[in-house]
Amino acid sequence: MHKAHKGKFHYSYVIAASCFGIQAVGIGTYFSYGVLFNPLIAEFGWSRASIAGASSMAFLLMGLLGIVIGRLNDRIGPRKLMTVTGVFFGLGYLLMYRLETVWQLYLFFGIVFGIGLSSIDVIALSTIARWFVRKRGVVTGIVKVGTGAGQMTIPFLVSILIISYGWRYSCVIIGVAVLIILVSIAQLMRRDPGQMGLSPDRDEAGPADRPALAVEGLSLREALRTRQFWTLCAAYLTVVFCLMIVMVHIVPFAMDIKVSPTKAAGVLSTIGGVSMVGRFFSGLAIDRIGSRRVMIFCFFLLVAGLLWLQLAKELWMIYLFAVIYGIAHGGFFTTFSPIVAEFFGIKSHGALFGVAMFSGTFGGAIGPFLAGYIFDVTGGYGLAIWISILMSALGFVLISLLKPVKAAGKGDA
């Protein structure tokens, strides 16, 4: 095996940049769907629930297929998978040009686009976990900064396209652009450094006492028999349940207390910007204190932020919430992949990460719907926020009680 020498260019830089691009383009394009709401309502008169349902379907399909994508990524690597799913990703938007009925919306965006979306997190983050060991946390943080960058820029660019060319031609431009970008990036991807005769971390050796679990790890079957894995899945569910409630409902929440639409939308931009800071610094912290401690801190911020939101009656109070929550938001999404590698190794990281993320997307699909239902019944978000506080407190307890797996090959069942 030919190892890269310290100080020379290492292909891991290409992998990190590629995964950054996948996250920025993939997540940014997904969130740009919200820009299409008003044009679709104006042309077809569909309800917000009907339009949002297609996004929820894509989100659920992302989690469900993520299990399969993760398993395949462990076996055949990311290049072929990202090529195929990149085509579906772009095709979903391209087909929107022909949109005429609600069922087509669910087919084009909910299913076709959802198939493409299924690879964005699992492939990028699982590949990073294989290419980096000592610097896994900080590189994951840098890659997740791509998510925040995409959230801040792509919806803005889409809004400009819609103003200039209309929503149908904009969907064509978006579809072609993201298809070309993702398929091109896919050609640069490799499953692990061993395929190229390289070692992780630019050939920098890790601590001599690093446990074997971090290098090899448990098989999928072994990990599924551990209490730790299902505890982690339950914690993921509580996290994304709360995070998606905030992301979907924070703007109408702000408008309910007489904040202008422009300033209310600015809350989302603030969350996106602050989350980039949270992603980067949580990545640095992961390499120093471990993913579990970083996640515990994020849960603390989330609980504190939601308690503050219950009291928020003025604009400055909501923006302060956005800062507190944005740090937690970015930190959570940065720790998800490293904590799986930290507890179960990289042997079946893709499959395990896929299963864990599905539990999160399941919670993320339930949360916003439940919050909307509570608002329809009670006329406010108070009960929904209290439920979110309880769920985040439950996640805090679950992660706090999480113990290391005792030995590779022997699940702590």
Foldseek 3Di string as FASTA:
>chain_A
DDAFDPPDDDLVVLLLVLLLLLLLLLLLVLLLLVVCVVVCCVVPVDDPCLSVVLSLLLLLLLLVCLLVVLQVCLPPNQLVVLLVLLLLLLQLLLQCLVDDDSVNSNCSRNPSNSSSSNCSQLRSLLQLLQQAQLLSLQSLLQSLLSNLNNNQPNSVVLNVCCVVPNSSVSSNVSSVVSSVSRNVSSVSGGRHCVVVVYHHPSPDDDDPPPDCQLAAFADPVQLVPAPLLVLLLLLLLLVLLLVLQCLVCQLVQVVVLPDDNVLSVVLNNLLSVLLSVLSNVLSVVCSPPNLLVLLLVLLVLQLVLLVQVLVDNDSVSSSVSSNSNSNSVSNVSSSLQVNLSVQGNSNSSSNSSSNSVSSNSVSNSPNNVVQVVCCVVPVHNNVSSVVSSVSSVSSSVSSVPRDHAPDHPHHND
